[in-house]
Amino acid sequence: MSADHILVLDEGTTSTRAIVYTPDGRAMHVAQQELTQYYPQPGRVEHDAAEIWTRTLACVREAVAAAGGADRIAALGITNQRETVVAWDRGTGEPITRAIVWQDRRTAPFCTRLREEGHEERVQARTGLILDPYFSASKMRWILDHVPQARELGDRLAFGTVESWLVWKLTGGLHISDASNASRTQLLALDGADWDEDLLDLFGVTRRALPQVVDNYGHFGTCNPAILGAPIPICGLAGDQQAASIGQNCLTPGDTKATFGTGAFILTNMGESLPASAHRLLGTVLYQASGKRIYALEGSIFVAGSLIKWLRDELGIIQYAGESEALAASVPDSAGVQFLPALAGLGAPHWRPDAKGAITGLTLGTKRAHIVRAAMESLTHQAHDLQAAFAADGADWSKLRIDGGMSVNNWMAQDLADILAIPVERPADTETTALGAAMLASVGAGLHRSLAEAASMGSAAARFDPAMAEETRAARIAFWRQGLGHQLDGPAPR
């Protein structure tokens, strides 16, 4: 039997998965395990990096067995939750503290101090990112300041995002990070080939603790055969949102996708032009090949699927996530209920880590369906806020391609089309993050000659066209802006 299958590790915020793809892009087996979420204090979100590794390894072994053995696997691709920081001891290969997750807000005071000292304009100009606890550099600084072992280790200290951690464990010591993940640390200039000395000094992070920055596809190393039974080559690496863009075939400037997972993330391909935003959007590396970079403009919504999970697990308003679609559709509107979903602060274009969630407009006539609908509407209205910011930065959307677990909700897909007033497309297989990693690994292994050729691994799309009356749409938008402005004690976004 020939080695023509692709193995993908999809390292999310709430679960880890291993997926085996056939050469034509069909997912033949999915192994998945949940990851434990730790919330030790308000605003803090952590993972156990050792658990990430052991549960990932269990998924990998299950997937490889389902494929008929490691000899069937031509290449491995990895896609991961970005910005999350793992710190480990190079000598033992073990983490020295829990991983600090991208949603964690503990470094807000540090970021505020840097902003007040006048550093944000310089940081944004170099990295495309604003000063916010979301990104990795301030998390690394916190570990150096609060975990004694981090300072004591000296040259043995290693930092990395999750793909870097997994590559280290799979290979037995290869310390690399792809350009898309490295661009989210706030330590890499958008046009810099390596870590930026001025940024390292600003955040107090030592270069020797960081991985080597590499392309997004190529032959980076091989898995230890003692782990999987064969030296499977690692050929594709990408942050989850960049991988989803590739999986959605957003390979031409102007192509735009939105992934609705734990959070929601919208990226527009900007080609080879360095992205610069005057409206609080982010510039990021979409992918790098042979040292050449393609860039994207990005808007981040911190709470999406996690909002529905919160309604289910903490409030008990719904019994399962899929119930939200039927409830939202069961009422003609939210009956005056408004939901500000700032359960982890607000992301772009507001960037308010101090914002708190709120449900307003409740009466004795409010039903759970109204609250669920208001929560769902808050997601589409945040997408509209981002649409306006993208357009103001010269990246108007002609259509939106959606994916991720929440995108299967037909009510939400239609509401997006209605509020954005553009067509919304959804592929038959909404797991485009993993597919993008498979495409990268396929090109890196030489199974496809280019990403454009690898796009044949994708699936046909369903389309949702705008159907809402303009006066209804305008009233919805005005209601959202009024409520948002009131909750944030400032002017509503234009």
Protein backbone atom coordinates (compact mmCIF):
# COMPACT_ATOMS: atom_id res chain seq x y z
CA MET A 1 0.00 0.00 0.00
CA SER A 2 1.27 3.46 -0.88
CA ALA A 3 1.72 6.32 1.60
CA ASP A 4 -0.81 8.80 0.21
CA HIS A 5 -2.93 9.80 3.21
CA ILE A 6 -2.55 13.04 5.17
CA LEU A 7 -2.72 13.09 8.98
CA VAL A 8 -3.81 16.39 10.56
CA LEU A 9 -3.63 17.42 14.20
CA ASP A 10 -6.29 20.05 14.88
CA GLU A 11 -5.49 21.58 18.26
CA GLY A 12 -8.48 23.65 19.33
CA THR A 13 -9.35 25.50 22.50
CA THR A 14 -11.80 22.91 23.81
CA SER A 15 -10.61 19.71 22.14
CA THR A 16 -7.79 18.01 20.29
CA ARG A 17 -8.43 16.01 17.14
CA ALA A 18 -6.51 13.80 14.74
CA ILE A 19 -8.00 13.46 11.26
CA VAL A 20 -6.89 11.24 8.40
CA TYR A 21 -7.56 12.61 4.92
CA THR A 22 -7.60 10.59 1.71
CA PRO A 23 -5.80 12.06 -1.34
CA ASP A 24 -9.07 13.59 -2.60
CA GLY A 25 -9.71 15.45 0.66
CA ARG A 26 -12.20 13.11 2.31
CA ALA A 27 -11.92 12.81 6.09
CA MET A 28 -11.84 9.03 6.54
CA HIS A 29 -11.43 9.01 10.32
CA VAL A 30 -11.67 11.55 13.14
CA ALA A 31 -10.41 10.90 16.66
CA GLN A 32 -11.23 13.54 19.27
CA GLN A 33 -10.76 14.16 22.98
CA GLU A 34 -11.86 17.11 25.09
CA LEU A 35 -9.31 19.39 26.75
CA THR A 36 -9.75 20.51 30.34
CA GLN A 37 -10.39 24.22 30.78
CA TYR A 38 -8.97 25.83 33.93
CA TYR A 39 -10.28 29.16 35.25
CA PRO A 40 -8.21 29.69 38.43
CA GLN A 41 -9.24 33.34 38.82
CA PRO A 42 -11.56 35.74 37.00
CA GLY A 43 -10.05 36.61 33.64
CA ARG A 44 -7.64 33.67 33.67
CA VAL A 45 -7.88 30.75 31.24
CA GLU A 46 -5.36 27.89 31.29
CA HIS A 47 -4.65 24.50 29.75
CA ASP A 48 -2.44 21.65 30.92
CA ALA A 49 0.18 21.34 28.17
CA ALA A 50 1.01 17.81 29.29
CA GLU A 51 -2.64 16.89 28.85
CA ILE A 52 -2.65 18.47 25.38
CA TRP A 53 0.23 16.18 24.45
CA THR A 54 -1.10 12.95 25.97
CA ARG A 55 -4.61 13.37 24.60
CA THR A 56 -3.28 14.40 21.19
CA LEU A 57 -1.03 11.35 21.15
CA ALA A 58 -4.00 9.10 21.96
CA CYS A 59 -5.97 10.64 19.08
CA VAL A 60 -3.03 10.28 16.70
CA ARG A 61 -2.55 6.62 17.50
CA GLU A 62 -6.25 5.93 17.00
CA ALA A 63 -6.28 7.76 13.66
CA VAL A 64 -3.12 6.08 12.40
CA ALA A 65 -4.54 2.67 13.27
CA ALA A 66 -7.78 3.50 11.44
CA ALA A 67 -5.74 4.45 8.36
CA GLY A 68 -4.10 1.04 8.33
CA GLY A 69 -0.84 2.01 9.98
CA ALA A 70 1.77 4.75 9.86
CA ASP A 71 3.07 3.43 6.52
CA ARG A 72 -0.10 4.79 4.90
CA ILE A 73 0.62 8.36 6.05
CA ALA A 74 2.53 10.53 3.57
CA ALA A 75 2.69 13.65 5.73
CA LEU A 76 1.52 15.30 8.93
CA GLY A 77 -0.03 18.77 9.18
CA ILE A 78 -0.73 20.70 12.38
CA THR A 79 -3.13 23.56 12.98
CA ASN A 80 -3.65 25.08 16.39
CA GLN A 81 -5.24 27.61 18.68
CA ARG A 82 -3.01 30.63 18.26
CA GLU A 83 -1.42 32.97 20.86
CA THR A 84 -1.67 30.34 23.64
CA VAL A 85 1.76 30.07 25.28
CA VAL A 86 3.47 26.91 26.49
CA ALA A 87 6.67 27.11 28.56
CA TRP A 88 8.81 24.02 29.05
CA ASP A 89 12.20 22.74 30.14
CA ARG A 90 14.40 21.74 27.21
CA GLY A 91 16.20 19.27 29.43
CA THR A 92 13.18 17.31 30.60
CA GLY A 93 10.78 18.18 27.78
CA GLU A 94 8.08 18.89 30.38
CA PRO A 95 6.01 22.05 30.89
CA ILE A 96 6.94 24.24 33.85
CA THR A 97 3.47 25.78 34.30
CA ARG A 98 0.04 25.62 32.75
CA ALA A 99 -0.33 27.04 29.26
CA ILE A 100 -1.84 30.53 29.20
CA VAL A 101 -4.71 30.47 26.71
CA TRP A 102 -5.39 33.16 24.12
CA GLN A 103 -8.59 34.18 25.97
CA ASP A 104 -6.67 34.92 29.19
CA ARG A 105 -6.81 38.58 30.32
CA ARG A 106 -4.32 38.61 33.21
CA THR A 107 -1.81 40.81 31.38
CA ALA A 108 -4.26 43.67 30.78
CA PRO A 109 -2.52 45.99 33.31
CA PHE A 110 0.87 45.37 31.67
CA CYS A 111 -0.55 46.08 28.20
CA THR A 112 -2.25 49.23 29.51
CA ARG A 113 1.04 50.45 30.94
CA LEU A 114 2.84 49.94 27.64
CA ARG A 115 0.03 51.78 25.87
CA GLU A 116 0.18 54.68 28.31
CA GLU A 117 3.94 54.86 27.80
CA GLY A 118 3.30 55.43 24.10
CA HIS A 119 4.44 52.08 22.66
CA GLU A 120 1.28 50.95 20.86
CA GLU A 121 1.78 52.88 17.61
CA ARG A 122 5.28 51.43 17.18
CA VAL A 123 4.14 47.90 18.06
CA GLN A 124 1.21 48.04 15.67
CA ALA A 125 3.32 49.48 12.85
CA ARG A 126 5.80 46.62 13.18
CA THR A 127 3.56 43.67 13.98
CA GLY A 128 0.10 44.65 12.75
CA LEU A 129 -1.17 43.95 16.29
CA ILE A 130 -2.39 46.26 19.02
CA LEU A 131 -1.37 46.05 22.66
CA ASP A 132 -3.79 43.57 24.16
CA PRO A 133 -3.54 40.54 26.49
CA TYR A 134 -4.75 38.40 23.57
CA PHE A 135 -1.27 38.07 22.10
CA SER A 136 1.61 35.88 23.24
CA ALA A 137 4.39 38.29 24.21
CA SER A 138 2.77 39.65 27.36
CA LYS A 139 1.91 36.09 28.42
CA MET A 140 5.58 35.11 28.08
CA ARG A 141 6.55 38.14 30.14
CA TRP A 142 4.04 37.15 32.85
CA ILE A 143 5.56 33.67 33.06
CA LEU A 144 9.05 35.14 33.37
CA ASP A 145 7.85 37.45 36.15
CA HIS A 146 5.69 34.98 38.10
CA VAL A 147 7.06 31.46 37.55
CA PRO A 148 10.44 31.25 39.35
CA GLN A 149 11.54 28.22 37.33
CA ALA A 150 11.32 30.25 34.13
CA ARG A 151 14.17 32.51 35.23
CA GLU A 152 16.10 29.67 36.87
CA LEU A 153 16.19 27.54 33.71
CA GLY A 154 18.29 30.01 31.73
CA ASP A 155 19.07 28.54 28.31
CA ARG A 156 16.89 25.51 29.07
CA LEU A 157 13.70 27.60 28.98
CA ALA A 158 11.60 27.12 25.83
CA PHE A 159 8.57 29.12 24.79
CA GLY A 160 6.20 28.22 22.00
CA THR A 161 2.67 28.29 20.74
CA VAL A 162 0.85 24.97 20.66
CA GLU A 163 2.13 23.78 17.28
CA SER A 164 5.68 24.45 18.48
CA TRP A 165 5.07 22.38 21.61
CA LEU A 166 3.66 19.45 19.64
CA VAL A 167 6.46 19.45 17.08
CA TRP A 168 8.96 19.38 19.96
CA LYS A 169 7.23 16.36 21.50
CA LEU A 170 6.69 14.53 18.20
CA THR A 171 10.30 14.92 17.04
CA GLY A 172 12.08 14.77 20.37
CA GLY A 173 13.47 18.29 20.37
CA LEU A 174 12.86 20.25 17.14
CA HIS A 175 11.99 23.81 18.19
CA ILE A 176 10.23 25.64 15.35
CA SER A 177 7.21 27.87 14.78
CA ASP A 178 5.61 28.68 11.44
CA ALA A 179 5.34 32.28 10.28
CA SER A 180 1.56 32.47 10.73
CA ASN A 181 1.77 31.54 14.42
CA ALA A 182 4.93 33.56 14.99
CA SER A 183 3.17 36.65 13.63
CA ARG A 184 0.66 36.36 16.49
CA THR A 185 3.23 36.59 19.27
CA GLN A 186 3.82 40.35 18.90
CA LEU A 187 7.54 39.59 18.69
CA LEU A 188 7.84 39.23 14.89
CA ALA A 189 7.68 42.19 12.52
CA LEU A 190 5.31 41.54 9.62
CA ASP A 191 8.18 41.97 7.16
CA GLY A 192 10.88 40.54 9.41
CA ALA A 193 12.44 37.15 8.77
CA ASP A 194 13.28 36.61 12.45
CA TRP A 195 12.34 37.82 15.91
CA ASP A 196 12.54 41.59 16.31
CA GLU A 197 15.21 42.77 18.77
CA ASP A 198 13.35 45.95 19.76
CA LEU A 199 10.18 44.00 20.49
CA LEU A 200 12.10 41.39 22.46
CA ASP A 201 13.56 44.21 24.57
CA LEU A 202 10.17 45.88 25.04
CA PHE A 203 8.55 42.71 26.36
CA GLY A 204 11.64 41.41 28.12
CA VAL A 205 11.66 38.05 26.30
CA THR A 206 14.98 36.39 25.46
CA ARG A 207 15.61 35.22 21.90
CA ARG A 208 17.20 31.97 23.08
CA ALA A 209 13.85 30.82 24.52
CA LEU A 210 12.06 31.16 21.18
CA PRO A 211 11.75 28.74 18.25
CA GLN A 212 13.12 29.11 14.74
CA VAL A 213 10.61 30.74 12.36
CA VAL A 214 9.85 28.57 9.31
CA ASP A 215 7.55 28.47 6.27
CA ASN A 216 4.02 27.09 6.41
CA TYR A 217 4.75 24.13 4.17
CA GLY A 218 7.87 22.12 3.47
CA HIS A 219 9.71 19.22 5.09
CA PHE A 220 10.37 20.39 8.65
CA GLY A 221 11.36 17.15 10.33
CA THR A 222 10.04 13.67 11.06
CA CYS A 223 8.10 12.17 13.93
CA ASN A 224 10.05 9.88 16.17
CA PRO A 225 9.25 6.39 14.77
CA ALA A 226 9.10 5.04 18.32
CA ILE A 227 5.97 7.18 18.86
CA LEU A 228 3.91 6.38 15.75
CA GLY A 229 5.62 3.37 14.22
CA ALA A 230 7.18 5.19 11.25
CA PRO A 231 9.12 8.44 10.65
CA ILE A 232 6.14 10.44 9.35
CA PRO A 233 7.33 13.76 7.86
CA ILE A 234 5.90 16.99 9.27
CA CYS A 235 5.06 19.08 6.19
CA GLY A 236 2.44 21.67 7.11
CA LEU A 237 1.97 24.10 10.01
CA ALA A 238 -0.47 26.99 10.46
CA GLY A 239 -2.51 28.86 13.02
CA ASP A 240 -6.13 27.78 12.96
CA GLN A 241 -7.54 30.93 11.37
CA GLN A 242 -4.94 31.03 8.61
CA ALA A 243 -5.51 27.32 7.98
CA ALA A 244 -9.26 27.93 7.70
CA SER A 245 -8.62 30.67 5.12
CA ILE A 246 -6.56 28.25 3.07
CA GLY A 247 -9.17 25.51 3.49
CA GLN A 248 -11.81 27.97 2.26
CA ASN A 249 -9.65 28.63 -0.82
CA CYS A 250 -9.16 32.29 0.12
CA LEU A 251 -6.05 32.43 -2.03
CA THR A 252 -6.83 35.62 -4.00
CA PRO A 253 -6.64 39.17 -2.60
CA GLY A 254 -10.08 40.19 -1.37
CA ASP A 255 -11.26 36.67 -0.52
CA THR A 256 -12.78 36.69 2.98
CA LYS A 257 -13.72 33.95 5.42
CA ALA A 258 -15.24 33.87 8.90
CA THR A 259 -14.66 30.95 11.25
CA PHE A 260 -17.24 30.55 14.02
CA GLY A 261 -15.68 28.32 16.65
CA THR A 262 -14.96 29.13 20.30
CA GLY A 263 -14.48 32.68 19.06
CA ALA A 264 -15.15 34.15 15.63
CA PHE A 265 -12.36 35.29 13.35
CA ILE A 266 -12.67 37.04 10.02
CA LEU A 267 -9.70 37.24 7.63
CA THR A 268 -9.39 38.97 4.25
CA ASN A 269 -6.53 38.00 1.95
CA MET A 270 -4.43 41.13 1.27
CA GLY A 271 -1.89 39.51 -1.05
CA GLU A 272 1.73 40.63 -0.75
CA SER A 273 0.80 44.09 0.54
CA LEU A 274 1.66 44.78 4.16
CA PRO A 275 -1.69 45.27 5.92
CA ALA A 276 -2.14 48.51 7.84
CA SER A 277 -5.36 49.33 9.66
CA ALA A 278 -6.58 52.71 10.84
CA HIS A 279 -9.69 51.11 12.35
CA ARG A 280 -8.34 48.75 15.00
CA LEU A 281 -8.09 45.66 12.82
CA LEU A 282 -5.07 43.37 12.85
CA GLY A 283 -2.44 42.67 10.23
CA THR A 284 -1.16 39.12 10.16
CA VAL A 285 0.79 36.62 8.06
CA LEU A 286 -1.64 34.42 6.13
CA TYR A 287 1.10 32.05 5.00
CA GLN A 288 4.76 31.98 4.03
CA ALA A 289 6.39 29.89 1.29
CA SER A 290 10.10 29.98 0.44
CA GLY A 291 10.41 33.03 2.68
CA LYS A 292 7.74 34.96 0.71
CA ARG A 293 4.69 36.10 2.67
CA ILE A 294 1.03 36.53 1.85
CA TYR A 295 -0.78 38.73 4.36
CA ALA A 296 -4.28 39.11 5.77
CA LEU A 297 -6.34 41.71 7.58
CA GLU A 298 -8.15 40.23 10.58
CA GLY A 299 -10.96 41.00 12.97
CA SER A 300 -11.40 38.93 16.14
CA ILE A 301 -14.56 38.27 18.16
CA PHE A 302 -13.56 36.60 21.43
CA VAL A 303 -16.85 34.85 22.25
CA ALA A 304 -18.92 32.91 19.69
CA GLY A 305 -19.40 29.18 20.22
CA SER A 306 -18.30 29.68 23.83
CA LEU A 307 -21.34 31.96 24.25
CA ILE A 308 -23.67 29.12 23.28
CA LYS A 309 -21.71 26.77 25.54
CA TRP A 310 -22.16 29.27 28.39
CA LEU A 311 -25.92 29.43 27.78
CA ARG A 312 -25.98 25.64 27.96
CA ASP A 313 -23.55 24.85 30.77
CA GLU A 314 -23.86 27.84 33.10
CA LEU A 315 -27.37 29.21 32.60
CA GLY A 316 -29.08 26.00 31.50
CA ILE A 317 -31.20 27.91 28.97
CA ILE A 318 -30.55 25.29 26.30
CA GLN A 319 -29.87 21.57 26.63
CA TYR A 320 -27.59 21.20 23.59
CA ALA A 321 -25.90 23.64 21.21
CA GLY A 322 -28.06 22.76 18.20
CA GLU A 323 -31.18 23.83 20.10
CA SER A 324 -30.15 27.47 19.64
CA GLU A 325 -31.13 27.41 15.96
CA ALA A 326 -34.70 26.26 16.57
CA LEU A 327 -35.18 28.68 19.48
CA ALA A 328 -33.87 31.67 17.53
CA ALA A 329 -36.21 30.84 14.65
CA SER A 330 -39.21 30.28 16.94
CA VAL A 331 -39.72 34.00 17.67
CA PRO A 332 -39.97 36.87 15.16
CA ASP A 333 -37.48 39.04 17.06
CA SER A 334 -35.75 39.36 20.42
CA ALA A 335 -38.68 41.29 21.94
CA GLY A 336 -36.40 44.11 23.00
CA VAL A 337 -33.78 41.87 24.66
CA GLN A 338 -30.19 42.73 23.87
CA PHE A 339 -27.12 40.65 24.67
CA LEU A 340 -23.64 42.17 24.94
CA PRO A 341 -21.47 39.02 24.83
CA ALA A 342 -18.35 40.49 26.45
CA LEU A 343 -17.69 37.39 28.55
CA ALA A 344 -13.96 37.69 27.77
CA GLY A 345 -13.87 41.39 26.98
CA LEU A 346 -14.55 42.71 23.49
CA GLY A 347 -12.23 42.16 20.54
CA ALA A 348 -12.04 44.10 17.29
CA PRO A 349 -12.79 46.82 16.48
CA HIS A 350 -13.52 47.88 20.08
CA TRP A 351 -10.63 46.23 21.97
CA ARG A 352 -12.10 46.60 25.44
CA PRO A 353 -10.58 43.95 27.73
CA ASP A 354 -12.44 45.61 30.62
CA ALA A 355 -15.90 45.18 29.07
CA LYS A 356 -18.32 42.87 30.82
CA GLY A 357 -21.26 40.97 29.39
CA ALA A 358 -24.81 42.23 29.85
CA ILE A 359 -28.37 41.16 29.05
CA THR A 360 -30.79 44.07 28.94
CA GLY A 361 -34.43 44.65 28.06
CA LEU A 362 -35.84 41.81 30.16
CA THR A 363 -39.54 41.81 31.08
CA LEU A 364 -41.99 39.32 32.52
CA GLY A 365 -42.82 38.46 28.92
CA THR A 366 -39.24 37.50 28.06
CA LYS A 367 -38.89 33.84 27.08
CA ARG A 368 -35.70 31.84 26.81
CA ALA A 369 -36.11 31.94 23.03
CA HIS A 370 -35.78 35.74 23.15
CA ILE A 371 -32.54 35.51 25.15
CA VAL A 372 -31.10 32.88 22.81
CA ARG A 373 -32.09 34.92 19.77
CA ALA A 374 -30.53 38.06 21.26
CA ALA A 375 -27.32 36.09 21.86
CA MET A 376 -27.29 34.86 18.27
CA GLU A 377 -28.03 38.35 16.94
CA SER A 378 -25.08 39.72 18.93
CA LEU A 379 -22.75 37.57 16.83
CA THR A 380 -24.07 38.80 13.50
CA HIS A 381 -24.01 42.41 14.69
CA GLN A 382 -20.39 42.09 15.81
CA ALA A 383 -19.64 40.75 12.33
CA HIS A 384 -21.33 43.85 10.91
CA ASP A 385 -19.16 46.09 13.11
CA LEU A 386 -16.16 44.34 11.60
CA GLN A 387 -17.53 44.65 8.07
CA ALA A 388 -17.65 48.42 8.50
CA ALA A 389 -14.08 48.52 9.83
CA PHE A 390 -12.78 46.35 6.97
CA ALA A 391 -14.51 48.56 4.41
CA ALA A 392 -13.04 51.69 6.01
CA ASP A 393 -9.59 50.10 5.67
CA GLY A 394 -10.19 49.47 1.96
CA ALA A 395 -11.08 45.77 2.25
CA ASP A 396 -14.79 45.69 1.45
CA TRP A 397 -16.42 42.24 1.33
CA SER A 398 -18.28 41.08 -1.77
CA LYS A 399 -19.24 37.79 -0.09
CA LEU A 400 -18.35 35.92 3.07
CA ARG A 401 -17.29 32.27 3.33
CA ILE A 402 -18.12 30.76 6.71
CA ASP A 403 -16.94 27.65 8.51
CA GLY A 404 -16.47 26.22 11.99
CA GLY A 405 -18.86 24.41 14.30
CA MET A 406 -21.40 27.25 14.60
CA SER A 407 -21.65 27.73 10.85
CA VAL A 408 -23.93 24.69 10.54
CA ASN A 409 -26.61 26.84 12.18
CA ASN A 410 -28.78 27.80 9.20
CA TRP A 411 -30.53 30.58 11.12
CA MET A 412 -27.21 32.26 11.88
CA ALA A 413 -25.95 31.86 8.31
CA GLN A 414 -29.09 33.52 6.96
CA ASP A 415 -28.98 36.27 9.60
CA LEU A 416 -25.37 36.99 8.61
CA ALA A 417 -26.41 37.36 4.97
CA ASP A 418 -29.29 39.62 5.98
CA ILE A 419 -27.35 41.93 8.32
CA LEU A 420 -24.21 42.08 6.17
CA ALA A 421 -26.31 42.44 2.98
CA ILE A 422 -23.98 40.15 1.04
CA PRO A 423 -24.08 36.46 0.04
CA VAL A 424 -22.78 33.99 2.61
CA GLU A 425 -21.27 30.70 1.45
CA ARG A 426 -20.73 27.57 3.53
CA PRO A 427 -18.84 24.48 2.33
CA ALA A 428 -20.33 21.02 2.65
CA ASP A 429 -17.49 20.16 5.04
CA THR A 430 -17.31 23.00 7.55
CA GLU A 431 -14.10 21.70 9.16
CA THR A 432 -11.97 23.82 6.85
CA THR A 433 -9.33 24.52 9.50
CA ALA A 434 -8.19 20.90 9.40
CA LEU A 435 -8.61 20.80 5.62
CA GLY A 436 -6.31 23.83 5.26
CA ALA A 437 -3.63 22.05 7.31
CA ALA A 438 -4.08 18.99 5.07
CA MET A 439 -3.62 21.16 1.98
CA LEU A 440 -0.43 22.68 3.38
CA ALA A 441 0.96 19.26 4.29
CA SER A 442 0.05 17.89 0.87
CA VAL A 443 1.96 20.66 -0.91
CA GLY A 444 4.84 20.33 1.55
CA ALA A 445 5.03 16.60 0.81
CA GLY A 446 4.84 17.12 -2.95
CA LEU A 447 1.43 15.45 -3.38
CA HIS A 448 0.14 18.71 -4.88
CA ARG A 449 2.24 21.28 -6.69
CA SER A 450 0.55 24.36 -5.20
CA LEU A 451 -2.16 25.46 -2.79
CA ALA A 452 -4.35 26.32 -5.77
CA GLU A 453 -4.03 22.73 -6.98
CA ALA A 454 -4.62 21.40 -3.46
CA ALA A 455 -7.88 23.38 -3.32
CA SER A 456 -9.42 20.47 -5.25
CA MET A 457 -9.57 18.74 -1.85
CA GLY A 458 -12.41 21.12 -0.86
CA SER A 459 -16.17 20.66 -1.13
CA ALA A 460 -19.07 22.47 -2.78
CA ALA A 461 -20.72 25.37 -0.98
CA ALA A 462 -24.26 26.19 0.15
CA ARG A 463 -25.29 29.81 -0.42
CA PHE A 464 -27.41 32.17 1.67
CA ASP A 465 -28.57 35.38 -0.03
CA PRO A 466 -29.85 38.51 1.75
CA ALA A 467 -33.63 38.41 2.19
CA MET A 468 -34.38 40.84 5.06
CA ALA A 469 -36.35 43.99 4.40
CA GLU A 470 -34.07 47.05 4.52
CA GLU A 471 -36.15 48.82 7.19
CA THR A 472 -35.90 45.75 9.45
CA ARG A 473 -32.17 45.54 8.89
CA ALA A 474 -31.69 49.26 9.63
CA ALA A 475 -33.75 49.01 12.80
CA ARG A 476 -31.75 46.02 14.01
CA ILE A 477 -28.44 47.78 13.39
CA ALA A 478 -29.60 50.99 15.09
CA PHE A 479 -30.81 49.03 18.13
CA TRP A 480 -27.46 47.22 18.41
CA ARG A 481 -25.43 50.41 18.11
CA GLN A 482 -27.52 52.19 20.71
CA GLY A 483 -27.14 49.35 23.18
CA LEU A 484 -23.44 48.87 22.51
CA GLY A 485 -22.71 52.55 22.94
CA HIS A 486 -24.63 52.62 26.22
CA GLN A 487 -22.89 49.54 27.61
CA LEU A 488 -19.42 50.80 26.71
CA ASP A 489 -20.09 54.33 28.00
CA GLY A 490 -18.85 55.78 24.75
CA PRO A 491 -19.94 56.55 21.21
CA ALA A 492 -21.29 53.67 19.15
CA PRO A 493 -19.16 52.53 16.20
CA ARG A 494 -19.87 54.28 12.95
